[in-house]
Amino acid sequence: MKITISGVLLGVFLLAGCSQPKAEAQTPSGGTGTIKAINHTKWAINHFSVNGQSGIDAIGPFDGGGGGCCYGVPAVWKPGMTVRIDWESGEASTEGFPGFADYEKYKAWEKKMSANNREHSKTVPLPDYTGQETCGITVHFLPCDDIKVTTSCWSPANANYPIKLPLEMKEPKVCPK
């Protein structure tokens, strides 16, 4: 009888030790993934970063790209979480490109193109991803130097993707402050 009670108690203790904390263990959130971006503007995104981590790719107007590694999504979302996006926008044209044969003409063209480059930085809220699978981060560059981000694994073409904006967005004559 002692052996049976001891065996049952041992089994109960072993099973109790296997239980998992509710918040972290039962959520598919968190983990590390790629830094991607979608540019909804007429400007090129020459480079960008998320919390200092490079997105790698230059992105043309009305295009997508990125591929930098990596953005670590915290396991548990908390209200007030933000990310800082730094980027440079500029001309997206090769109009007037003189080639490389005449170095002086090339440098003059490069200077003209660089004159329109602008550095930007914005801290934006990280949307609630509780109970959702996360896949890195996708940054949406919007007119008026606005930014939206998502950690969604859905493709932007999928109806479940949380940011529903047209790829080509026009810049208003006056941007809201």
Protein backbone atom coordinates (compact mmCIF):
# COMPACT_ATOMS: atom_id res chain seq x y z
CA MET A 1 0.00 0.00 0.00
CA LYS A 2 2.90 2.36 0.81
CA ILE A 3 4.37 1.79 -2.65
CA THR A 4 1.05 2.54 -4.40
CA ILE A 5 0.49 5.82 -2.50
CA SER A 6 4.12 6.85 -3.05
CA GLY A 7 3.80 6.07 -6.76
CA VAL A 8 0.59 8.08 -7.08
CA LEU A 9 2.13 11.04 -5.21
CA LEU A 10 5.24 10.87 -7.40
CA GLY A 11 3.04 10.90 -10.52
CA VAL A 12 1.04 13.89 -9.26
CA PHE A 13 4.23 15.85 -8.48
CA LEU A 14 5.72 15.05 -11.89
CA LEU A 15 2.57 16.17 -13.70
CA ALA A 16 2.38 19.36 -11.62
CA GLY A 17 5.97 20.16 -12.61
CA CYS A 18 5.02 19.92 -16.28
CA SER A 19 2.39 22.67 -16.16
CA GLN A 20 3.40 25.86 -17.98
CA PRO A 21 2.86 29.49 -17.04
CA LYS A 22 -0.21 30.72 -18.94
CA ALA A 23 1.00 33.93 -20.65
CA GLU A 24 4.35 32.95 -22.15
CA ALA A 25 3.93 29.24 -22.78
CA GLN A 26 0.60 29.33 -24.58
CA THR A 27 1.26 32.19 -26.98
CA PRO A 28 2.85 31.79 -30.39
CA SER A 29 4.17 35.38 -30.16
CA GLY A 30 7.77 36.41 -29.88
CA GLY A 31 10.89 35.36 -31.69
CA THR A 32 13.16 36.82 -34.30
CA GLY A 33 12.49 37.53 -37.94
CA THR A 34 13.37 39.59 -40.97
CA ILE A 35 13.12 43.38 -41.26
CA LYS A 36 11.02 44.18 -44.33
CA ALA A 37 9.46 47.34 -45.73
CA ILE A 38 6.82 48.59 -48.12
CA ASN A 39 7.24 52.06 -49.61
CA HIS A 40 3.92 53.77 -50.39
CA THR A 41 5.61 57.03 -51.50
CA LYS A 42 7.09 58.56 -54.66
CA TRP A 43 10.48 58.89 -52.93
CA ALA A 44 13.18 56.26 -52.76
CA ILE A 45 14.06 54.91 -49.33
CA ASN A 46 17.86 54.95 -49.58
CA HIS A 47 18.34 53.08 -46.30
CA PHE A 48 16.39 52.41 -43.12
CA SER A 49 16.72 50.77 -39.72
CA VAL A 50 14.51 49.50 -36.91
CA ASN A 51 15.85 50.20 -33.42
CA GLY A 52 19.29 50.63 -35.00
CA GLN A 53 19.21 47.33 -36.94
CA SER A 54 19.60 47.85 -40.70
CA GLY A 55 16.86 46.88 -43.13
CA ILE A 56 19.69 46.35 -45.68
CA ASP A 57 17.87 47.22 -48.91
CA ALA A 58 17.23 50.47 -50.75
CA ILE A 59 13.58 50.56 -51.78
CA GLY A 60 12.21 52.32 -54.84
CA PRO A 61 8.96 54.26 -54.99
CA PHE A 62 5.81 52.17 -54.59
CA ASP A 63 7.86 49.03 -53.94
CA GLY A 64 8.85 46.59 -51.22
CA GLY A 65 12.15 45.29 -49.96
CA GLY A 66 14.33 44.91 -46.95
CA GLY A 67 15.66 41.60 -45.80
CA GLY A 68 17.85 42.74 -42.93
CA CYS A 69 18.29 40.42 -40.01
CA CYS A 70 16.87 40.61 -37.47
CA TYR A 71 14.09 42.11 -35.42
CA GLY A 72 13.41 40.31 -32.14
CA VAL A 73 9.76 40.45 -31.17
CA PRO A 74 9.40 40.29 -27.37
CA ALA A 75 7.50 37.18 -26.24
CA VAL A 76 4.78 39.20 -24.53
CA TRP A 77 3.31 42.43 -25.89
CA LYS A 78 2.85 45.23 -23.35
CA PRO A 79 0.99 48.54 -23.79
CA GLY A 80 3.30 51.41 -24.68
CA MET A 81 5.80 49.31 -26.66
CA THR A 82 7.41 51.30 -29.49
CA VAL A 83 10.03 50.96 -32.22
CA ARG A 84 12.28 53.66 -33.64
CA ILE A 85 12.52 53.87 -37.41
CA ASP A 86 15.38 55.87 -38.97
CA TRP A 87 15.51 56.36 -42.72
CA GLU A 88 16.78 58.46 -45.58
CA SER A 89 14.52 59.36 -48.48
CA GLY A 90 15.64 60.81 -51.78
CA GLU A 91 15.28 61.03 -55.54
CA ALA A 92 14.40 57.84 -57.34
CA SER A 93 15.48 58.66 -60.85
CA THR A 94 18.42 58.15 -63.14
CA GLU A 95 17.31 61.09 -65.29
CA GLY A 96 20.32 63.03 -66.49
CA PHE A 97 22.78 60.31 -65.42
CA PRO A 98 25.96 61.11 -67.40
CA GLY A 99 27.66 57.76 -66.90
CA PHE A 100 31.03 57.30 -65.22
CA ALA A 101 33.37 58.23 -68.10
CA ASP A 102 33.39 61.94 -67.22
CA TYR A 103 34.06 61.95 -63.48
CA GLU A 104 33.29 65.68 -63.05
CA LYS A 105 29.89 65.36 -64.74
CA TYR A 106 29.14 62.28 -62.67
CA LYS A 107 30.04 64.07 -59.39
CA ALA A 108 27.88 67.08 -60.35
CA TRP A 109 24.93 64.76 -61.09
CA GLU A 110 25.48 62.88 -57.81
CA LYS A 111 25.54 66.17 -55.87
CA LYS A 112 22.30 67.27 -57.55
CA MET A 113 20.63 63.95 -56.70
CA SER A 114 21.87 64.03 -53.09
CA ALA A 115 20.53 67.56 -52.57
CA ASN A 116 17.02 66.13 -52.14
CA ASN A 117 18.01 63.45 -49.61
CA ARG A 118 16.37 63.85 -46.22
CA GLU A 119 17.08 62.07 -42.94
CA HIS A 120 14.06 61.05 -40.85
CA SER A 121 13.45 59.43 -37.49
CA LYS A 122 10.16 58.44 -35.94
CA THR A 123 9.13 56.38 -32.93
CA VAL A 124 5.87 54.52 -33.50
CA PRO A 125 3.71 52.17 -31.42
CA LEU A 126 4.19 48.44 -31.85
CA PRO A 127 0.68 47.02 -32.44
CA ASP A 128 -0.69 44.41 -30.06
CA TYR A 129 0.28 40.93 -31.30
CA THR A 130 -1.00 38.94 -28.34
CA GLY A 131 -1.95 35.41 -29.39
CA GLN A 132 -0.63 35.86 -32.92
CA GLU A 133 2.33 34.31 -34.67
CA THR A 134 5.00 36.97 -35.33
CA CYS A 135 7.46 37.15 -38.22
CA GLY A 136 9.93 39.95 -37.62
CA ILE A 137 8.68 43.40 -38.57
CA THR A 138 7.38 45.11 -41.70
CA VAL A 139 7.72 48.90 -41.91
CA HIS A 140 5.27 50.85 -44.09
CA PHE A 141 6.65 54.19 -45.35
CA LEU A 142 3.71 56.51 -45.93
CA PRO A 143 3.27 60.03 -47.35
CA CYS A 144 4.03 62.95 -45.04
CA ASP A 145 6.90 60.98 -43.48
CA ASP A 146 4.46 58.79 -41.59
CA ILE A 147 5.19 55.20 -40.56
CA LYS A 148 3.14 52.13 -39.67
CA VAL A 149 4.57 48.79 -38.56
CA THR A 150 3.32 45.24 -38.14
CA THR A 151 4.75 41.95 -36.88
CA SER A 152 2.18 39.95 -38.86
CA CYS A 153 3.17 36.81 -40.76
CA TRP A 154 0.44 37.36 -43.35
CA SER A 155 1.37 38.55 -46.84
CA PRO A 156 0.25 42.11 -47.65
CA ALA A 157 -1.88 40.55 -50.42
CA ASN A 158 -3.80 38.45 -47.87
CA ALA A 159 -7.13 39.71 -46.47
CA ASN A 160 -5.83 38.99 -42.93
CA TYR A 161 -2.91 41.43 -43.27
CA PRO A 162 -3.53 44.19 -40.70
CA ILE A 163 -2.39 47.22 -42.74
CA LYS A 164 -4.81 47.77 -45.59
CA LEU A 165 -3.40 50.62 -47.68
CA PRO A 166 -2.90 51.04 -51.42
CA LEU A 167 0.70 50.65 -52.56
CA GLU A 168 0.65 53.95 -54.46
CA MET A 169 -0.36 56.78 -52.17
CA LYS A 170 -0.27 60.44 -53.19
CA GLU A 171 1.37 63.06 -51.02
CA PRO A 172 -1.23 65.68 -49.99
CA LYS A 173 -0.51 69.34 -50.77
CA VAL A 174 -0.26 70.00 -47.04
CA CYS A 175 0.78 67.34 -44.55
CA PRO A 176 -0.91 67.26 -41.14
CA LYS A 177 1.28 68.35 -38.26
